[in-house]
């Protein structure tokens, strides 16, 4: 296991506007497209800290952003 990672601050301006979310999405997409080739396999770690919800649902917004994602490609662990 490698203990390295990168963190990018994608915030700009007010955080409760449509423009904010469009800009954050644009910045995240630019970073992703620069870092990965279309043929690369990517290991995505998604952490959700909601108290009552114990399982990440396949219908989650994050998963909807990934083209051609199959339910069998997702594993869940605590």
C-alpha atoms as a PDB file:
ATOM      1  CA  UNK A   1       0.000   0.000   0.000  1.00  0.00           C
ATOM      2  CA  UNK A   2       1.301   3.456  -0.920  1.00  0.00           C
ATOM      3  CA  UNK A   3       0.756   6.307   1.514  1.00  0.00           C
ATOM      4  CA  UNK A   4       0.902   9.104  -1.030  1.00  0.00           C
ATOM      5  CA  UNK A   5      -1.871  11.276  -2.364  1.00  0.00           C
ATOM      6  CA  UNK A   6      -2.721  14.617  -3.872  1.00  0.00           C
ATOM      7  CA  UNK A   7      -5.342  17.050  -2.742  1.00  0.00           C
ATOM      8  CA  UNK A   8      -6.658  19.827  -4.944  1.00  0.00           C
ATOM      9  CA  UNK A   9      -8.698  22.735  -3.620  1.00  0.00           C
ATOM     10  CA  UNK A  10     -11.307  23.271  -6.308  1.00  0.00           C
ATOM     11  CA  UNK A  11     -13.263  26.001  -4.538  1.00  0.00           C
ATOM     12  CA  UNK A  12     -13.619  29.489  -5.935  1.00  0.00           C
ATOM     13  CA  UNK A  13     -15.986  32.218  -4.750  1.00  0.00           C
ATOM     14  CA  UNK A  14     -19.367  31.630  -3.153  1.00  0.00           C
ATOM     15  CA  UNK A  15     -20.156  27.958  -2.642  1.00  0.00           C
ATOM     16  CA  UNK A  16     -23.933  28.042  -3.056  1.00  0.00           C
ATOM     17  CA  UNK A  17     -24.300  29.106  -6.694  1.00  0.00           C
ATOM     18  CA  UNK A  18     -24.668  27.243  -9.978  1.00  0.00           C
ATOM     19  CA  UNK A  19     -21.541  29.006 -11.230  1.00  0.00           C
ATOM     20  CA  UNK A  20     -19.567  27.587  -8.307  1.00  0.00           C
ATOM     21  CA  UNK A  21     -20.564  24.003  -9.121  1.00  0.00           C
ATOM     22  CA  UNK A  22     -19.890  24.507 -12.831  1.00  0.00           C
ATOM     23  CA  UNK A  23     -16.405  25.841 -12.084  1.00  0.00           C
ATOM     24  CA  UNK A  24     -15.603  23.054  -9.598  1.00  0.00           C
ATOM     25  CA  UNK A  25     -16.755  20.478 -12.151  1.00  0.00           C
ATOM     26  CA  UNK A  26     -14.653  22.125 -14.870  1.00  0.00           C
ATOM     27  CA  UNK A  27     -11.548  22.170 -12.646  1.00  0.00           C
ATOM     28  CA  UNK A  28     -11.986  18.553 -11.528  1.00  0.00           C
ATOM     29  CA  UNK A  29     -12.525  17.406 -15.123  1.00  0.00           C
ATOM     30  CA  UNK A  30      -9.428  19.260 -16.302  1.00  0.00           C
ATOM     31  CA  UNK A  31      -7.282  17.644 -13.598  1.00  0.00           C
ATOM     32  CA  UNK A  32      -8.685  14.187 -14.366  1.00  0.00           C
ATOM     33  CA  UNK A  33      -8.259  14.512 -18.144  1.00  0.00           C
ATOM     34  CA  UNK A  34      -4.695  15.769 -17.706  1.00  0.00           C
ATOM     35  CA  UNK A  35      -3.712  12.999 -15.308  1.00  0.00           C
ATOM     36  CA  UNK A  36      -5.295  10.002 -17.061  1.00  0.00           C
ATOM     37  CA  UNK A  37      -5.480   8.590 -20.575  1.00  0.00           C
ATOM     38  CA  UNK A  38      -8.762   7.171 -21.902  1.00  0.00           C
ATOM     39  CA  UNK A  39      -7.338   3.644 -21.710  1.00  0.00           C
ATOM     40  CA  UNK A  40      -6.115   3.957 -18.090  1.00  0.00           C
ATOM     41  CA  UNK A  41      -7.767   1.965 -15.339  1.00  0.00           C
ATOM     42  CA  UNK A  42      -8.611   4.143 -12.335  1.00  0.00           C
ATOM     43  CA  UNK A  43      -9.103   3.088  -8.721  1.00  0.00           C
ATOM     44  CA  UNK A  44     -11.568   5.513  -7.123  1.00  0.00           C
ATOM     45  CA  UNK A  45     -11.948   5.710  -3.363  1.00  0.00           C
ATOM     46  CA  UNK A  46     -15.176   7.361  -2.299  1.00  0.00           C
ATOM     47  CA  UNK A  47     -15.706   8.147   1.362  1.00  0.00           C
ATOM     48  CA  UNK A  48     -19.115   9.231   2.586  1.00  0.00           C
ATOM     49  CA  UNK A  49     -19.383  10.279   6.222  1.00  0.00           C
ATOM     50  CA  UNK A  50     -23.149  10.339   6.675  1.00  0.00           C
ATOM     51  CA  UNK A  51     -24.042   9.063  10.119  1.00  0.00           C
ATOM     52  CA  UNK A  52     -27.221   7.103   9.382  1.00  0.00           C
ATOM     53  CA  UNK A  53     -26.518   5.859   5.868  1.00  0.00           C
ATOM     54  CA  UNK A  54     -24.201   2.858   6.081  1.00  0.00           C
ATOM     55  CA  UNK A  55     -24.078   1.850   2.411  1.00  0.00           C
ATOM     56  CA  UNK A  56     -23.060   3.774  -0.680  1.00  0.00           C
ATOM     57  CA  UNK A  57     -25.864   3.335  -3.204  1.00  0.00           C
ATOM     58  CA  UNK A  58     -25.172   2.605  -6.872  1.00  0.00           C
ATOM     59  CA  UNK A  59     -27.558   5.449  -7.743  1.00  0.00           C
ATOM     60  CA  UNK A  60     -25.197   7.865  -5.965  1.00  0.00           C
ATOM     61  CA  UNK A  61     -24.435  11.073  -7.914  1.00  0.00           C
ATOM     62  CA  UNK A  62     -20.716  10.231  -7.978  1.00  0.00           C
ATOM     63  CA  UNK A  63     -21.303   6.950  -9.783  1.00  0.00           C
ATOM     64  CA  UNK A  64     -23.590   8.652 -12.311  1.00  0.00           C
ATOM     65  CA  UNK A  65     -20.626  10.786 -13.415  1.00  0.00           C
ATOM     66  CA  UNK A  66     -18.717   7.708 -14.648  1.00  0.00           C
ATOM     67  CA  UNK A  67     -19.612   6.509 -18.150  1.00  0.00           C
ATOM     68  CA  UNK A  68     -20.273   2.787 -18.633  1.00  0.00           C
ATOM     69  CA  UNK A  69     -19.844   1.947 -14.939  1.00  0.00           C
ATOM     70  CA  UNK A  70     -21.161  -1.514 -14.136  1.00  0.00           C
ATOM     71  CA  UNK A  71     -22.543  -2.435 -10.730  1.00  0.00           C
ATOM     72  CA  UNK A  72     -20.228  -5.470 -10.678  1.00  0.00           C
ATOM     73  CA  UNK A  73     -17.224  -3.116 -10.831  1.00  0.00           C
ATOM     74  CA  UNK A  74     -18.065  -1.567  -7.451  1.00  0.00           C
ATOM     75  CA  UNK A  75     -17.010  -3.047  -4.139  1.00  0.00           C
ATOM     76  CA  UNK A  76     -18.007  -1.710  -0.744  1.00  0.00           C
ATOM     77  CA  UNK A  77     -16.143  -2.004   2.522  1.00  0.00           C
ATOM     78  CA  UNK A  78     -16.184  -0.305   5.880  1.00  0.00           C
END
